[in-house]
Amino acid sequence: MYVNSEQALDSVFLSYDKILKKLHLLGLTTKKGKEITELDLRKAIDVMLEKHPTCRWRSEKIKSRKYFILTEGYYWLLNVYFQKEKSLIDADIDFFEDRIKQYEELLKVENNQNWWNKNMDIKQLCKYFDRKEITIRKSIKKMCDSGFEQYKFLINNKVVISSKGIEWLSKNVFKQKYLELLEKYKMELTELYIEKGYIYDEYFGRN
């Protein structure tokens, strides 16, 4: 797929200056209500790169000796970092769920992901979520107090959480784990998207 004009390239990636202008035109501000500065934008991009390094949303410095941001990364900044209605983690999850849906519809792929397909005991949950036992037990109590005690049971006097319970814990307590699963699947779809001939980060080299 050939991309040449500046307008066409803008649909693939954007300079920091163009992103800043777009944010200003949309009337977006910082959480303190102030106009977004270049420093604010750079801080936001640092957060984006730290949270989602596998998404490849920023280019390397090539011909122009400047960084560019993939349009998908720009929409992350717009709908996750600079939005004010949700927490960052909830907005992040919503963003990836939405992107996955868009990729699946475009690629005509049916979502058959089954991330939670087995039960786990406390020790296994500690490893799965990378948390201490006391944290896991508190999260299980929260799950039970929320009306999902049926997800907890005993096997040989050991507390075991069902696959449905692990899904609940991922989506309601350990949201970062859920986000990581979403991002991994999103990038699998992205690779398929590239294989089908659609533009992603391979045009960064033309900056």
C-alpha atoms as a PDB file:
ATOM      1  CA  MET A   1       0.000   0.000   0.000  1.00  0.00           C
ATOM      2  CA  TYR A   2       1.576   3.279  -1.161  1.00  0.00           C
ATOM      3  CA  VAL A   3       1.492   6.375   1.010  1.00  0.00           C
ATOM      4  CA  ASN A   4       3.034   9.611  -0.199  1.00  0.00           C
ATOM      5  CA  SER A   5       1.200  12.881   0.496  1.00  0.00           C
ATOM      6  CA  GLU A   6       1.540  14.691   3.800  1.00  0.00           C
ATOM      7  CA  GLN A   7      -2.201  14.342   4.394  1.00  0.00           C
ATOM      8  CA  ALA A   8      -2.022  10.613   3.816  1.00  0.00           C
ATOM      9  CA  LEU A   9       0.995  10.311   6.095  1.00  0.00           C
ATOM     10  CA  ASP A  10      -0.894  12.237   8.788  1.00  0.00           C
ATOM     11  CA  SER A  11      -3.413   9.408   8.772  1.00  0.00           C
ATOM     12  CA  VAL A  12      -0.573   7.051   9.706  1.00  0.00           C
ATOM     13  CA  PHE A  13       1.549   9.038  12.154  1.00  0.00           C
ATOM     14  CA  LEU A  14       1.738  12.547  13.593  1.00  0.00           C
ATOM     15  CA  SER A  15       4.466  14.842  14.847  1.00  0.00           C
ATOM     16  CA  TYR A  16       4.345  16.150  18.407  1.00  0.00           C
ATOM     17  CA  ASP A  17       3.490  19.622  17.054  1.00  0.00           C
ATOM     18  CA  LYS A  18       0.518  18.334  15.086  1.00  0.00           C
ATOM     19  CA  ILE A  19      -0.759  16.335  18.044  1.00  0.00           C
ATOM     20  CA  LEU A  20      -0.521  19.412  20.242  1.00  0.00           C
ATOM     21  CA  LYS A  21      -2.469  21.478  17.708  1.00  0.00           C
ATOM     22  CA  LYS A  22      -5.151  18.811  17.484  1.00  0.00           C
ATOM     23  CA  LEU A  23      -5.498  18.686  21.267  1.00  0.00           C
ATOM     24  CA  HIS A  24      -5.815  22.477  21.401  1.00  0.00           C
ATOM     25  CA  LEU A  25      -8.424  22.524  18.622  1.00  0.00           C
ATOM     26  CA  LEU A  26     -10.442  19.953  20.586  1.00  0.00           C
ATOM     27  CA  GLY A  27     -10.248  22.190  23.637  1.00  0.00           C
ATOM     28  CA  LEU A  28      -8.623  19.530  25.786  1.00  0.00           C
ATOM     29  CA  THR A  29      -6.835  20.615  28.933  1.00  0.00           C
ATOM     30  CA  THR A  30      -4.785  19.097  31.724  1.00  0.00           C
ATOM     31  CA  LYS A  31      -6.555  17.673  34.751  1.00  0.00           C
ATOM     32  CA  LYS A  32      -5.989  21.077  36.384  1.00  0.00           C
ATOM     33  CA  GLY A  33      -7.844  22.778  33.551  1.00  0.00           C
ATOM     34  CA  LYS A  34      -4.793  24.372  31.965  1.00  0.00           C
ATOM     35  CA  GLU A  35      -3.829  24.354  28.296  1.00  0.00           C
ATOM     36  CA  ILE A  36      -1.759  21.320  27.376  1.00  0.00           C
ATOM     37  CA  THR A  37       1.867  22.282  26.794  1.00  0.00           C
ATOM     38  CA  GLU A  38       4.593  20.457  24.897  1.00  0.00           C
ATOM     39  CA  LEU A  39       6.002  19.368  28.262  1.00  0.00           C
ATOM     40  CA  ASP A  40       2.596  17.946  29.243  1.00  0.00           C
ATOM     41  CA  LEU A  41       2.471  16.064  25.955  1.00  0.00           C
ATOM     42  CA  ARG A  42       5.963  14.658  26.402  1.00  0.00           C
ATOM     43  CA  LYS A  43       5.076  13.462  29.899  1.00  0.00           C
ATOM     44  CA  ALA A  44       1.936  11.825  28.502  1.00  0.00           C
ATOM     45  CA  ILE A  45       3.937  10.052  25.803  1.00  0.00           C
ATOM     46  CA  ASP A  46       6.433   8.827  28.419  1.00  0.00           C
ATOM     47  CA  VAL A  47       3.511   7.287  30.336  1.00  0.00           C
ATOM     48  CA  MET A  48       2.152   5.780  27.121  1.00  0.00           C
ATOM     49  CA  LEU A  49       5.495   4.176  26.282  1.00  0.00           C
ATOM     50  CA  GLU A  50       5.992   2.870  29.809  1.00  0.00           C
ATOM     51  CA  LYS A  51       2.534   1.308  29.932  1.00  0.00           C
ATOM     52  CA  HIS A  52       2.406  -0.048  26.381  1.00  0.00           C
ATOM     53  CA  PRO A  53       5.896  -0.638  24.943  1.00  0.00           C
ATOM     54  CA  THR A  54       4.765  -3.573  22.781  1.00  0.00           C
ATOM     55  CA  CYS A  55       2.327  -1.407  20.811  1.00  0.00           C
ATOM     56  CA  ARG A  56       5.157   0.378  18.968  1.00  0.00           C
ATOM     57  CA  TRP A  57       3.333   3.699  18.995  1.00  0.00           C
ATOM     58  CA  ARG A  58       6.409   5.930  18.766  1.00  0.00           C
ATOM     59  CA  SER A  59       8.920   5.956  15.951  1.00  0.00           C
ATOM     60  CA  GLU A  60      12.666   6.038  16.171  1.00  0.00           C
ATOM     61  CA  LYS A  61      14.439   9.208  15.085  1.00  0.00           C
ATOM     62  CA  ILE A  62      15.259   8.681  11.431  1.00  0.00           C
ATOM     63  CA  LYS A  63      15.446  11.253   8.606  1.00  0.00           C
ATOM     64  CA  SER A  64      13.815  14.133  10.433  1.00  0.00           C
ATOM     65  CA  ARG A  65      15.586  13.365  13.723  1.00  0.00           C
ATOM     66  CA  LYS A  66      12.202  13.755  15.391  1.00  0.00           C
ATOM     67  CA  TYR A  67       9.842  11.319  17.051  1.00  0.00           C
ATOM     68  CA  PHE A  68       6.443  10.607  15.528  1.00  0.00           C
ATOM     69  CA  ILE A  69       3.411   8.963  17.081  1.00  0.00           C
ATOM     70  CA  LEU A  70       1.258   6.376  15.339  1.00  0.00           C
ATOM     71  CA  THR A  71      -2.362   7.486  14.993  1.00  0.00           C
ATOM     72  CA  GLU A  72      -3.403   4.642  17.280  1.00  0.00           C
ATOM     73  CA  GLY A  73      -1.088   6.128  19.907  1.00  0.00           C
ATOM     74  CA  TYR A  74      -2.603   9.562  19.322  1.00  0.00           C
ATOM     75  CA  TYR A  75      -6.065   8.140  20.033  1.00  0.00           C
ATOM     76  CA  TRP A  76      -4.696   6.589  23.227  1.00  0.00           C
ATOM     77  CA  LEU A  77      -3.494  10.008  24.334  1.00  0.00           C
ATOM     78  CA  LEU A  78      -6.856  11.497  23.423  1.00  0.00           C
ATOM     79  CA  ASN A  79      -9.145   8.868  24.916  1.00  0.00           C
ATOM     80  CA  VAL A  80      -7.063   7.607  27.824  1.00  0.00           C
ATOM     81  CA  TYR A  81      -4.463  10.011  29.128  1.00  0.00           C
ATOM     82  CA  PHE A  82      -6.157  13.368  28.539  1.00  0.00           C
ATOM     83  CA  GLN A  83      -9.728  12.302  29.312  1.00  0.00           C
ATOM     84  CA  LYS A  84     -11.125  13.219  32.732  1.00  0.00           C
ATOM     85  CA  GLU A  85     -14.215  11.033  33.197  1.00  0.00           C
ATOM     86  CA  LYS A  86     -12.575   7.741  34.195  1.00  0.00           C
ATOM     87  CA  SER A  87      -9.537   6.472  36.043  1.00  0.00           C
ATOM     88  CA  LEU A  88      -6.519   5.870  33.829  1.00  0.00           C
ATOM     89  CA  ILE A  89      -6.729   2.073  34.160  1.00  0.00           C
ATOM     90  CA  ASP A  90     -10.455   1.960  33.359  1.00  0.00           C
ATOM     91  CA  ALA A  91     -10.030   4.250  30.345  1.00  0.00           C
ATOM     92  CA  ASP A  92      -7.076   2.122  29.230  1.00  0.00           C
ATOM     93  CA  ILE A  93      -9.113  -1.077  29.421  1.00  0.00           C
ATOM     94  CA  ASP A  94     -12.023   0.512  27.551  1.00  0.00           C
ATOM     95  CA  PHE A  95      -9.623   1.713  24.862  1.00  0.00           C
ATOM     96  CA  PHE A  96      -8.136  -1.722  24.256  1.00  0.00           C
ATOM     97  CA  GLU A  97     -11.514  -3.437  24.324  1.00  0.00           C
ATOM     98  CA  ASP A  98     -12.717  -0.963  21.693  1.00  0.00           C
ATOM     99  CA  ARG A  99      -9.607  -1.350  19.520  1.00  0.00           C
ATOM    100  CA  ILE A 100      -9.924  -5.141  19.678  1.00  0.00           C
ATOM    101  CA  LYS A 101     -13.546  -4.914  18.561  1.00  0.00           C
ATOM    102  CA  GLN A 102     -12.565  -2.683  15.644  1.00  0.00           C
ATOM    103  CA  TYR A 103      -9.759  -5.024  14.557  1.00  0.00           C
ATOM    104  CA  GLU A 104     -12.020  -8.072  14.829  1.00  0.00           C
ATOM    105  CA  GLU A 105     -14.745  -6.433  12.743  1.00  0.00           C
ATOM    106  CA  LEU A 106     -12.300  -5.245  10.081  1.00  0.00           C
ATOM    107  CA  LEU A 107     -10.451  -8.559   9.890  1.00  0.00           C
ATOM    108  CA  LYS A 108     -13.630 -10.620  10.302  1.00  0.00           C
ATOM    109  CA  VAL A 109     -12.090 -12.491  13.233  1.00  0.00           C
ATOM    110  CA  GLU A 110     -14.222 -14.112  15.907  1.00  0.00           C
ATOM    111  CA  ASN A 111     -13.024 -13.594  19.466  1.00  0.00           C
ATOM    112  CA  ASN A 112     -12.409 -17.061  20.843  1.00  0.00           C
ATOM    113  CA  GLN A 113      -9.997 -16.031  23.587  1.00  0.00           C
ATOM    114  CA  ASN A 114     -10.347 -18.104  26.734  1.00  0.00           C
ATOM    115  CA  TRP A 115      -7.954 -16.543  29.230  1.00  0.00           C
ATOM    116  CA  TRP A 116      -9.605 -18.035  32.301  1.00  0.00           C
ATOM    117  CA  ASN A 117     -10.127 -21.737  31.738  1.00  0.00           C
ATOM    118  CA  LYS A 118      -8.965 -23.364  34.977  1.00  0.00           C
ATOM    119  CA  ASN A 119      -9.393 -23.070  38.719  1.00  0.00           C
ATOM    120  CA  MET A 120      -6.543 -21.898  40.970  1.00  0.00           C
ATOM    121  CA  ASP A 121      -5.627 -22.174  44.627  1.00  0.00           C
ATOM    122  CA  ILE A 122      -4.126 -19.345  46.688  1.00  0.00           C
ATOM    123  CA  LYS A 123      -0.535 -20.188  45.796  1.00  0.00           C
ATOM    124  CA  GLN A 124      -1.310 -20.277  42.089  1.00  0.00           C
ATOM    125  CA  LEU A 125      -3.189 -16.984  42.313  1.00  0.00           C
ATOM    126  CA  CYS A 126      -0.198 -15.336  43.999  1.00  0.00           C
ATOM    127  CA  LYS A 127       1.948 -16.337  41.042  1.00  0.00           C
ATOM    128  CA  TYR A 128      -0.676 -15.479  38.419  1.00  0.00           C
ATOM    129  CA  PHE A 129      -1.290 -11.972  39.728  1.00  0.00           C
ATOM    130  CA  ASP A 130       2.219 -11.499  41.157  1.00  0.00           C
ATOM    131  CA  ARG A 131       0.810 -10.516  44.551  1.00  0.00           C
ATOM    132  CA  LYS A 132       1.410 -11.542  48.157  1.00  0.00           C
ATOM    133  CA  GLU A 133      -0.911 -14.027  49.827  1.00  0.00           C
ATOM    134  CA  ILE A 134      -2.490 -11.416  52.090  1.00  0.00           C
ATOM    135  CA  THR A 135      -3.393  -9.306  49.040  1.00  0.00           C
ATOM    136  CA  ILE A 136      -4.933 -12.307  47.295  1.00  0.00           C
ATOM    137  CA  ARG A 137      -6.992 -13.220  50.362  1.00  0.00           C
ATOM    138  CA  LYS A 138      -8.266  -9.641  50.663  1.00  0.00           C
ATOM    139  CA  SER A 139      -9.281  -9.670  47.006  1.00  0.00           C
ATOM    140  CA  ILE A 140     -11.148 -12.959  47.482  1.00  0.00           C
ATOM    141  CA  LYS A 141     -13.008 -11.445  50.437  1.00  0.00           C
ATOM    142  CA  LYS A 142     -13.924  -8.475  48.276  1.00  0.00           C
ATOM    143  CA  MET A 143     -15.241 -10.838  45.610  1.00  0.00           C
ATOM    144  CA  CYS A 144     -17.339 -12.736  48.151  1.00  0.00           C
ATOM    145  CA  ASP A 145     -18.632  -9.509  49.730  1.00  0.00           C
ATOM    146  CA  SER A 146     -19.692  -8.408  46.232  1.00  0.00           C
ATOM    147  CA  GLY A 147     -22.030 -11.387  45.969  1.00  0.00           C
ATOM    148  CA  PHE A 148     -19.821 -13.920  44.206  1.00  0.00           C
ATOM    149  CA  GLU A 149     -19.080 -16.342  47.020  1.00  0.00           C
ATOM    150  CA  GLN A 150     -20.009 -19.206  44.687  1.00  0.00           C
ATOM    151  CA  TYR A 151     -16.662 -18.701  42.916  1.00  0.00           C
ATOM    152  CA  LYS A 152     -14.819 -19.804  46.070  1.00  0.00           C
ATOM    153  CA  PHE A 153     -14.772 -23.397  47.304  1.00  0.00           C
ATOM    154  CA  LEU A 154     -12.611 -25.887  49.201  1.00  0.00           C
ATOM    155  CA  ILE A 155     -10.693 -28.861  47.831  1.00  0.00           C
ATOM    156  CA  ASN A 156      -8.785 -30.903  50.395  1.00  0.00           C
ATOM    157  CA  ASN A 157      -9.110 -28.015  52.836  1.00  0.00           C
ATOM    158  CA  LYS A 158      -7.491 -25.631  50.358  1.00  0.00           C
ATOM    159  CA  VAL A 159      -9.258 -22.479  49.119  1.00  0.00           C
ATOM    160  CA  VAL A 160      -9.768 -22.687  45.373  1.00  0.00           C
ATOM    161  CA  ILE A 161     -11.163 -20.012  43.075  1.00  0.00           C
ATOM    162  CA  SER A 162     -13.051 -21.014  39.944  1.00  0.00           C
ATOM    163  CA  SER A 163     -12.144 -19.749  36.481  1.00  0.00           C
ATOM    164  CA  LYS A 164     -15.124 -17.389  36.673  1.00  0.00           C
ATOM    165  CA  GLY A 165     -13.742 -16.062  39.933  1.00  0.00           C
ATOM    166  CA  ILE A 166     -10.336 -15.464  38.383  1.00  0.00           C
ATOM    167  CA  GLU A 167     -12.016 -13.556  35.586  1.00  0.00           C
ATOM    168  CA  TRP A 168     -13.890 -11.439  38.162  1.00  0.00           C
ATOM    169  CA  LEU A 169     -10.670 -10.726  40.079  1.00  0.00           C
ATOM    170  CA  SER A 170      -8.900  -9.756  36.868  1.00  0.00           C
ATOM    171  CA  LYS A 171     -11.608  -7.359  35.740  1.00  0.00           C
ATOM    172  CA  ASN A 172     -12.460  -5.864  39.115  1.00  0.00           C
ATOM    173  CA  VAL A 173      -9.371  -5.997  41.343  1.00  0.00           C
ATOM    174  CA  PHE A 174      -6.197  -6.798  39.430  1.00  0.00           C
ATOM    175  CA  LYS A 175      -7.098  -4.752  36.374  1.00  0.00           C
ATOM    176  CA  GLN A 176      -3.513  -4.417  35.211  1.00  0.00           C
ATOM    177  CA  LYS A 177      -3.453  -8.166  34.568  1.00  0.00           C
ATOM    178  CA  TYR A 178      -6.579  -7.880  32.433  1.00  0.00           C
ATOM    179  CA  LEU A 179      -5.066  -4.938  30.553  1.00  0.00           C
ATOM    180  CA  GLU A 180      -1.926  -6.958  29.810  1.00  0.00           C
ATOM    181  CA  LEU A 181      -4.037  -9.766  28.363  1.00  0.00           C
ATOM    182  CA  LEU A 182      -5.966  -7.293  26.219  1.00  0.00           C
ATOM    183  CA  GLU A 183      -2.795  -5.670  24.919  1.00  0.00           C
ATOM    184  CA  LYS A 184      -1.226  -9.013  24.031  1.00  0.00           C
ATOM    185  CA  TYR A 185      -4.336 -10.016  22.068  1.00  0.00           C
ATOM    186  CA  LYS A 186      -4.584  -6.580  20.441  1.00  0.00           C
ATOM    187  CA  MET A 187      -1.040  -6.914  19.147  1.00  0.00           C
ATOM    188  CA  GLU A 188      -1.782 -10.402  17.788  1.00  0.00           C
ATOM    189  CA  LEU A 189      -4.616  -8.815  15.829  1.00  0.00           C
ATOM    190  CA  THR A 190      -2.310  -5.970  14.791  1.00  0.00           C
ATOM    191  CA  GLU A 191       0.161  -8.424  13.266  1.00  0.00           C
ATOM    192  CA  LEU A 192      -2.680 -10.042  11.343  1.00  0.00           C
ATOM    193  CA  TYR A 193      -3.780  -6.544  10.278  1.00  0.00           C
ATOM    194  CA  ILE A 194      -0.293  -5.892   8.883  1.00  0.00           C
ATOM    195  CA  GLU A 195      -0.234  -9.270   7.121  1.00  0.00           C
ATOM    196  CA  LYS A 196      -3.456  -8.281   5.341  1.00  0.00           C
ATOM    197  CA  GLY A 197      -1.669  -5.263   3.876  1.00  0.00           C
ATOM    198  CA  TYR A 198      -2.946  -2.535   6.167  1.00  0.00           C
ATOM    199  CA  ILE A 199      -0.678   0.272   7.346  1.00  0.00           C
ATOM    200  CA  TYR A 200       0.763   0.241  10.848  1.00  0.00           C
ATOM    201  CA  ASP A 201       4.266   1.209  11.963  1.00  0.00           C
ATOM    202  CA  GLU A 202       6.186   0.049   8.886  1.00  0.00           C
ATOM    203  CA  TYR A 203       5.809   3.568   7.407  1.00  0.00           C
ATOM    204  CA  PHE A 204       7.649   5.189  10.320  1.00  0.00           C
ATOM    205  CA  GLY A 205      10.789   4.870   8.212  1.00  0.00           C
ATOM    206  CA  ARG A 206       9.447   7.559   5.914  1.00  0.00           C
ATOM    207  CA  ASN A 207       9.540  10.294   8.532  1.00  0.00           C
END
